Every structure is written in structure tokens, then in C-alpha cells.
Amino acid sequence: MRESNASPNIGTYLADLLESIGVEHYFTVPGDYNLVLLDQLLKNDRLKMIGCCNELNAGYAADGYARVKGAAAVVVTFTVGGLSLVNAIAPNAKDMFPEDAPHFIGPYQNIQHLTDDFS
């Protein structure tokens, strides 16, 4: 959970939510368009970031993690990264529903909202 004196934002809210459903690790391919979100997720000391070399590998890692733990999270950049990720998790989504691994993809212009307070 985040520090009590820190104001909530999308990234810290997602970190708290992931922690509350039992996720201890999240998989990512850091990129220009997701660094703000990753900075916010890193504020939660109980979540561990697992860096992957590409989105397809991140998807396969999250797929295996979700099968063992019941839920997983992947953070990648949008368009090409997100499409590559779908190649890993889509074939198995029918087996995993409703515990499919969520992934967070957003266009660049929305990144500025990740640090906005929503209290």
C-alpha cells in the first residue's frame, strides 16, 4: 500500500488494487510511454517489477504467473507492444476466464493523467 501522506493517482491506485488481489509481481517492457506509470507502481514496495526483453515474453510470463497465482499484470507501451502481448495471452484467454491477466495500455496523450490526483 502507498504511504498514507501520498495523494492517490492512477498508478498508485493500480498498485494498491494489484496488491489487494494477491499479485506480488508484474511484468513489463519499459518504454517511453509507460515510464510514468512504472514510476508510480514502483512506489509500492510489496510489488516487484519483472523486466522482460519484449512484449511477447512478458505476455507468456504473465500467462504462466496467472495460471499459478490466479491473476497477473503486464505493463507495456501501446500499439505494437500491446498487439505483441495479445499474441501471447489471447490463445489461452478462454482457459483463464475470468482470471485473465489484465494489461494496461494507453496512448501517449493520456500519460499526463497518471500523475493527476483523483481524490
N, C-alpha and C. Protein backbone atom coordinates (compact mmCIF):
# COMPACT_ATOMS: atom_id res chain seq x y z
N MET A 1 0.84 -1.18 0.00
CA MET A 1 0.00 0.00 0.00
C MET A 1 0.88 1.24 0.00
N ARG A 2 0.33 2.31 -0.52
CA ARG A 2 1.09 3.55 -0.60
C ARG A 2 1.20 4.21 0.76
N GLU A 3 2.13 5.16 0.85
CA GLU A 3 2.29 5.90 2.09
C GLU A 3 1.02 6.68 2.36
N SER A 4 0.63 6.81 3.62
CA SER A 4 -0.63 7.46 3.97
C SER A 4 -0.64 8.93 3.60
N ASN A 5 0.53 9.59 3.55
CA ASN A 5 0.54 11.02 3.24
C ASN A 5 0.64 11.29 1.75
N ALA A 6 0.83 10.26 0.92
CA ALA A 6 0.91 10.45 -0.52
C ALA A 6 -0.49 10.51 -1.11
N SER A 7 -0.72 11.46 -2.00
CA SER A 7 -2.03 11.56 -2.61
C SER A 7 -2.17 10.48 -3.68
N PRO A 8 -3.37 9.91 -3.81
CA PRO A 8 -3.55 8.82 -4.77
C PRO A 8 -3.55 9.34 -6.20
N ASN A 9 -3.14 8.48 -7.12
CA ASN A 9 -3.23 8.74 -8.55
C ASN A 9 -3.47 7.39 -9.22
N ILE A 10 -3.60 7.39 -10.52
CA ILE A 10 -3.92 6.15 -11.23
C ILE A 10 -2.89 5.05 -10.96
N GLY A 11 -1.62 5.40 -11.01
CA GLY A 11 -0.57 4.40 -10.81
C GLY A 11 -0.57 3.80 -9.42
N THR A 12 -0.68 4.64 -8.40
CA THR A 12 -0.69 4.11 -7.03
C THR A 12 -1.99 3.36 -6.76
N TYR A 13 -3.09 3.81 -7.37
CA TYR A 13 -4.35 3.08 -7.21
C TYR A 13 -4.23 1.69 -7.82
N LEU A 14 -3.67 1.59 -9.02
CA LEU A 14 -3.49 0.28 -9.65
C LEU A 14 -2.57 -0.61 -8.82
N ALA A 15 -1.52 -0.04 -8.26
CA ALA A 15 -0.61 -0.82 -7.40
C ALA A 15 -1.36 -1.37 -6.19
N ASP A 16 -2.16 -0.53 -5.56
CA ASP A 16 -2.95 -0.98 -4.41
C ASP A 16 -3.94 -2.06 -4.82
N LEU A 17 -4.57 -1.88 -5.97
CA LEU A 17 -5.54 -2.87 -6.46
C LEU A 17 -4.86 -4.21 -6.75
N LEU A 18 -3.73 -4.16 -7.43
CA LEU A 18 -3.00 -5.40 -7.72
C LEU A 18 -2.59 -6.11 -6.45
N GLU A 19 -2.12 -5.36 -5.49
CA GLU A 19 -1.73 -5.96 -4.21
C GLU A 19 -2.95 -6.60 -3.52
N SER A 20 -4.09 -5.94 -3.60
CA SER A 20 -5.29 -6.44 -2.92
C SER A 20 -5.81 -7.74 -3.52
N ILE A 21 -5.52 -8.00 -4.80
CA ILE A 21 -5.98 -9.25 -5.40
C ILE A 21 -4.90 -10.34 -5.38
N GLY A 22 -3.80 -10.05 -4.70
CA GLY A 22 -2.78 -11.07 -4.49
C GLY A 22 -1.63 -11.07 -5.47
N VAL A 23 -1.56 -10.08 -6.34
CA VAL A 23 -0.44 -10.00 -7.27
C VAL A 23 0.78 -9.47 -6.52
N GLU A 24 1.89 -10.17 -6.63
CA GLU A 24 3.14 -9.76 -5.98
C GLU A 24 4.19 -9.28 -6.98
N HIS A 25 4.01 -9.64 -8.24
CA HIS A 25 4.95 -9.29 -9.31
C HIS A 25 4.17 -8.82 -10.51
N TYR A 26 4.73 -7.90 -11.27
CA TYR A 26 4.13 -7.52 -12.55
C TYR A 26 5.23 -7.51 -13.60
N PHE A 27 4.84 -7.82 -14.81
CA PHE A 27 5.78 -7.99 -15.91
C PHE A 27 5.71 -6.75 -16.80
N THR A 28 6.85 -6.32 -17.30
CA THR A 28 6.86 -5.10 -18.08
C THR A 28 7.99 -5.08 -19.10
N VAL A 29 7.75 -4.29 -20.13
CA VAL A 29 8.80 -3.88 -21.05
C VAL A 29 8.79 -2.35 -20.95
N PRO A 30 9.72 -1.78 -20.19
CA PRO A 30 9.73 -0.32 -20.02
C PRO A 30 9.93 0.38 -21.37
N GLY A 31 9.19 1.45 -21.54
CA GLY A 31 9.30 2.24 -22.76
C GLY A 31 8.93 3.68 -22.48
N ASP A 32 9.18 4.53 -23.43
CA ASP A 32 8.92 5.96 -23.25
C ASP A 32 7.50 6.25 -22.78
N TYR A 33 6.54 5.48 -23.24
CA TYR A 33 5.14 5.81 -22.97
C TYR A 33 4.57 5.16 -21.71
N ASN A 34 5.34 4.37 -21.00
CA ASN A 34 4.81 3.78 -19.76
C ASN A 34 5.70 4.06 -18.55
N LEU A 35 6.71 4.89 -18.70
CA LEU A 35 7.63 5.15 -17.59
C LEU A 35 6.97 5.84 -16.41
N VAL A 36 6.03 6.74 -16.67
CA VAL A 36 5.34 7.43 -15.56
C VAL A 36 4.53 6.43 -14.76
N LEU A 37 3.81 5.54 -15.44
CA LEU A 37 3.05 4.51 -14.74
C LEU A 37 3.98 3.60 -13.95
N LEU A 38 5.08 3.18 -14.55
CA LEU A 38 6.02 2.31 -13.84
C LEU A 38 6.60 3.00 -12.60
N ASP A 39 6.89 4.29 -12.70
CA ASP A 39 7.38 5.03 -11.53
C ASP A 39 6.36 4.99 -10.40
N GLN A 40 5.10 5.12 -10.74
CA GLN A 40 4.05 5.08 -9.71
C GLN A 40 3.91 3.67 -9.11
N LEU A 41 3.98 2.65 -9.95
CA LEU A 41 3.89 1.27 -9.44
C LEU A 41 5.07 0.94 -8.53
N LEU A 42 6.23 1.48 -8.84
CA LEU A 42 7.42 1.20 -8.03
C LEU A 42 7.35 1.80 -6.63
N LYS A 43 6.43 2.70 -6.40
CA LYS A 43 6.27 3.28 -5.06
C LYS A 43 5.73 2.26 -4.07
N ASN A 44 5.12 1.19 -4.56
CA ASN A 44 4.61 0.13 -3.70
C ASN A 44 5.72 -0.91 -3.51
N ASP A 45 6.27 -0.96 -2.31
CA ASP A 45 7.40 -1.85 -2.02
C ASP A 45 7.03 -3.32 -2.04
N ARG A 46 5.76 -3.64 -1.95
CA ARG A 46 5.35 -5.04 -1.92
C ARG A 46 5.09 -5.61 -3.32
N LEU A 47 5.15 -4.77 -4.34
CA LEU A 47 5.06 -5.24 -5.72
C LEU A 47 6.46 -5.22 -6.33
N LYS A 48 6.80 -6.27 -7.03
CA LYS A 48 8.11 -6.36 -7.66
C LYS A 48 7.96 -6.33 -9.18
N MET A 49 8.74 -5.47 -9.81
CA MET A 49 8.73 -5.35 -11.26
C MET A 49 9.66 -6.41 -11.86
N ILE A 50 9.16 -7.12 -12.84
CA ILE A 50 9.95 -8.10 -13.57
C ILE A 50 10.10 -7.58 -15.00
N GLY A 51 11.30 -7.12 -15.34
CA GLY A 51 11.55 -6.60 -16.68
C GLY A 51 11.72 -7.73 -17.67
N CYS A 52 11.10 -7.58 -18.81
CA CYS A 52 11.18 -8.60 -19.87
C CYS A 52 11.81 -7.98 -21.11
N CYS A 53 12.40 -8.83 -21.95
CA CYS A 53 13.11 -8.30 -23.12
C CYS A 53 12.18 -7.89 -24.25
N ASN A 54 10.96 -8.43 -24.30
CA ASN A 54 9.98 -7.98 -25.28
C ASN A 54 8.57 -8.30 -24.80
N GLU A 55 7.58 -7.74 -25.47
CA GLU A 55 6.19 -7.87 -25.03
C GLU A 55 5.67 -9.30 -25.13
N LEU A 56 6.11 -10.03 -26.12
CA LEU A 56 5.68 -11.42 -26.25
C LEU A 56 6.15 -12.23 -25.04
N ASN A 57 7.40 -12.05 -24.64
CA ASN A 57 7.92 -12.75 -23.46
C ASN A 57 7.18 -12.32 -22.20
N ALA A 58 6.87 -11.02 -22.08
CA ALA A 58 6.12 -10.53 -20.92
C ALA A 58 4.75 -11.18 -20.87
N GLY A 59 4.13 -11.34 -22.03
CA GLY A 59 2.82 -11.98 -22.08
C GLY A 59 2.86 -13.44 -21.66
N TYR A 60 3.86 -14.17 -22.15
CA TYR A 60 4.00 -15.58 -21.75
C TYR A 60 4.30 -15.70 -20.25
N ALA A 61 5.14 -14.80 -19.73
CA ALA A 61 5.44 -14.82 -18.30
C ALA A 61 4.19 -14.55 -17.48
N ALA A 62 3.42 -13.55 -17.89
CA ALA A 62 2.19 -13.23 -17.17
C ALA A 62 1.17 -14.36 -17.28
N ASP A 63 1.11 -15.01 -18.41
CA ASP A 63 0.20 -16.14 -18.59
C ASP A 63 0.52 -17.24 -17.60
N GLY A 64 1.79 -17.62 -17.50
CA GLY A 64 2.18 -18.64 -16.54
C GLY A 64 1.94 -18.22 -15.10
N TYR A 65 2.24 -16.97 -14.80
CA TYR A 65 2.04 -16.44 -13.46
C TYR A 65 0.56 -16.48 -13.08
N ALA A 66 -0.30 -16.07 -14.02
CA ALA A 66 -1.74 -16.07 -13.74
C ALA A 66 -2.28 -17.48 -13.54
N ARG A 67 -1.72 -18.43 -14.25
CA ARG A 67 -2.18 -19.82 -14.07
C ARG A 67 -1.82 -20.35 -12.69
N VAL A 68 -0.71 -19.89 -12.15
CA VAL A 68 -0.28 -20.34 -10.82
C VAL A 68 -0.93 -19.52 -9.72
N LYS A 69 -0.94 -18.19 -9.86
CA LYS A 69 -1.39 -17.29 -8.80
C LYS A 69 -2.85 -16.87 -8.93
N GLY A 70 -3.46 -17.05 -10.11
CA GLY A 70 -4.86 -16.66 -10.28
C GLY A 70 -5.04 -15.29 -10.91
N ALA A 71 -4.01 -14.47 -10.93
CA ALA A 71 -4.07 -13.14 -11.54
C ALA A 71 -2.65 -12.69 -11.85
N ALA A 72 -2.51 -11.83 -12.84
CA ALA A 72 -1.21 -11.28 -13.20
C ALA A 72 -1.42 -9.92 -13.83
N ALA A 73 -0.35 -9.16 -13.98
CA ALA A 73 -0.42 -7.86 -14.62
C ALA A 73 0.78 -7.67 -15.55
N VAL A 74 0.52 -6.98 -16.65
CA VAL A 74 1.56 -6.68 -17.64
C VAL A 74 1.45 -5.20 -17.97
N VAL A 75 2.57 -4.52 -18.02
CA VAL A 75 2.60 -3.11 -18.41
C VAL A 75 3.51 -2.97 -19.63
N VAL A 76 2.91 -2.57 -20.76
CA VAL A 76 3.67 -2.37 -21.99
C VAL A 76 3.24 -1.05 -22.62
N THR A 77 3.94 -0.65 -23.66
CA THR A 77 3.53 0.55 -24.39
C THR A 77 2.38 0.19 -25.33
N PHE A 78 1.80 1.21 -25.96
CA PHE A 78 0.63 0.96 -26.79
C PHE A 78 0.99 0.53 -28.21
N THR A 79 0.01 0.20 -28.99
CA THR A 79 0.03 -0.29 -30.37
C THR A 79 0.90 -1.53 -30.53
N VAL A 80 2.09 -1.42 -31.07
CA VAL A 80 2.88 -2.61 -31.39
C VAL A 80 3.13 -3.46 -30.15
N GLY A 81 3.48 -2.83 -29.03
CA GLY A 81 3.71 -3.58 -27.80
C GLY A 81 2.46 -4.31 -27.34
N GLY A 82 1.34 -3.62 -27.36
CA GLY A 82 0.08 -4.25 -26.94
C GLY A 82 -0.35 -5.37 -27.87
N LEU A 83 -0.16 -5.17 -29.17
CA LEU A 83 -0.53 -6.22 -30.12
C LEU A 83 0.35 -7.44 -29.96
N SER A 84 1.62 -7.25 -29.70
CA SER A 84 2.51 -8.38 -29.48
C SER A 84 2.12 -9.13 -28.21
N LEU A 85 1.75 -8.39 -27.19
CA LEU A 85 1.31 -9.00 -25.93
C LEU A 85 0.08 -9.87 -26.14
N VAL A 86 -0.86 -9.39 -26.94
CA VAL A 86 -2.08 -10.14 -27.20
C VAL A 86 -1.77 -11.50 -27.83
N ASN A 87 -0.73 -11.57 -28.65
CA ASN A 87 -0.36 -12.85 -29.25
C ASN A 87 -0.04 -13.90 -28.20
N ALA A 88 0.46 -13.49 -27.07
CA ALA A 88 0.81 -14.44 -26.01
C ALA A 88 -0.40 -14.85 -25.18
N ILE A 89 -1.27 -13.92 -24.86
CA ILE A 89 -2.35 -14.25 -23.92
C ILE A 89 -3.69 -14.59 -24.57
N ALA A 90 -3.92 -14.16 -25.80
CA ALA A 90 -5.22 -14.40 -26.44
C ALA A 90 -5.54 -15.89 -26.63
N PRO A 91 -4.60 -16.71 -27.09
CA PRO A 91 -4.95 -18.12 -27.31
C PRO A 91 -5.40 -18.83 -26.02
N ASN A 92 -4.93 -18.38 -24.88
CA ASN A 92 -5.26 -19.04 -23.62
C ASN A 92 -6.33 -18.32 -22.83
N ALA A 93 -6.85 -17.22 -23.34
CA ALA A 93 -7.83 -16.44 -22.59
C ALA A 93 -9.07 -17.26 -22.26
N LYS A 94 -9.50 -18.11 -23.17
CA LYS A 94 -10.70 -18.92 -22.90
C LYS A 94 -10.47 -19.88 -21.74
N ASP A 95 -9.23 -20.33 -21.56
CA ASP A 95 -8.92 -21.23 -20.45
C ASP A 95 -8.84 -20.49 -19.13
N MET A 96 -8.52 -19.20 -19.19
CA MET A 96 -8.26 -18.44 -17.98
C MET A 96 -9.45 -17.60 -17.52
N PHE A 97 -10.44 -17.41 -18.35
CA PHE A 97 -11.56 -16.54 -17.99
C PHE A 97 -12.21 -17.02 -16.73
N PRO A 98 -12.52 -16.22 -15.73
CA PRO A 98 -12.42 -14.76 -15.69
C PRO A 98 -11.12 -14.25 -15.10
N GLU A 99 -10.12 -15.10 -14.93
CA GLU A 99 -8.87 -14.70 -14.27
C GLU A 99 -7.80 -14.32 -15.29
N ASP A 100 -8.22 -13.77 -16.40
CA ASP A 100 -7.29 -13.37 -17.44
C ASP A 100 -6.33 -12.31 -16.92
N ALA A 101 -5.12 -12.30 -17.42
CA ALA A 101 -4.12 -11.33 -16.99
C ALA A 101 -4.45 -9.95 -17.56
N PRO A 102 -4.76 -8.98 -16.72
CA PRO A 102 -5.05 -7.64 -17.27
C PRO A 102 -3.77 -6.98 -17.76
N HIS A 103 -3.91 -6.15 -18.76
CA HIS A 103 -2.77 -5.39 -19.24
C HIS A 103 -3.19 -3.94 -19.40
N PHE A 104 -2.29 -3.05 -19.15
CA PHE A 104 -2.58 -1.62 -19.16
C PHE A 104 -1.87 -0.99 -20.36
N ILE A 105 -2.66 -0.50 -21.28
CA ILE A 105 -2.12 0.12 -22.48
C ILE A 105 -2.82 1.46 -22.65
N GLY A 106 -2.06 2.51 -22.88
CA GLY A 106 -2.68 3.81 -23.08
C GLY A 106 -1.89 4.66 -24.04
N PRO A 107 -2.58 5.49 -24.80
CA PRO A 107 -1.87 6.38 -25.72
C PRO A 107 -1.10 7.46 -24.98
N TYR A 108 -0.11 8.00 -25.64
CA TYR A 108 0.79 8.98 -25.03
C TYR A 108 0.05 10.15 -24.39
N GLN A 109 -0.96 10.70 -25.05
CA GLN A 109 -1.61 11.89 -24.51
C GLN A 109 -2.31 11.61 -23.17
N ASN A 110 -2.57 10.37 -22.84
CA ASN A 110 -3.21 10.05 -21.56
C ASN A 110 -2.21 9.87 -20.44
N ILE A 111 -0.92 9.78 -20.73
CA ILE A 111 0.09 9.54 -19.71
C ILE A 111 0.11 10.67 -18.69
N GLN A 112 -0.15 11.90 -19.11
CA GLN A 112 -0.13 13.01 -18.18
C GLN A 112 -1.14 12.86 -17.06
N HIS A 113 -2.21 12.11 -17.30
CA HIS A 113 -3.24 11.93 -16.28
C HIS A 113 -2.83 10.95 -15.20
N LEU A 114 -1.77 10.19 -15.41
CA LEU A 114 -1.37 9.20 -14.42
C LEU A 114 -0.88 9.86 -13.13
N THR A 115 -0.42 11.07 -13.21
CA THR A 115 0.06 11.74 -12.02
C THR A 115 -0.97 12.72 -11.46
N ASP A 116 -2.13 12.83 -12.11
CA ASP A 116 -3.16 13.72 -11.59
C ASP A 116 -3.83 13.10 -10.37
N ASP A 117 -4.10 13.91 -9.38
CA ASP A 117 -4.83 13.43 -8.20
C ASP A 117 -6.28 13.19 -8.59
N PHE A 118 -6.88 12.17 -8.02
CA PHE A 118 -8.30 11.94 -8.26
C PHE A 118 -9.06 11.79 -6.94
N SER A 119 -8.52 12.38 -5.88
CA SER A 119 -9.18 12.30 -4.59
C SER A 119 -10.34 13.26 -4.53
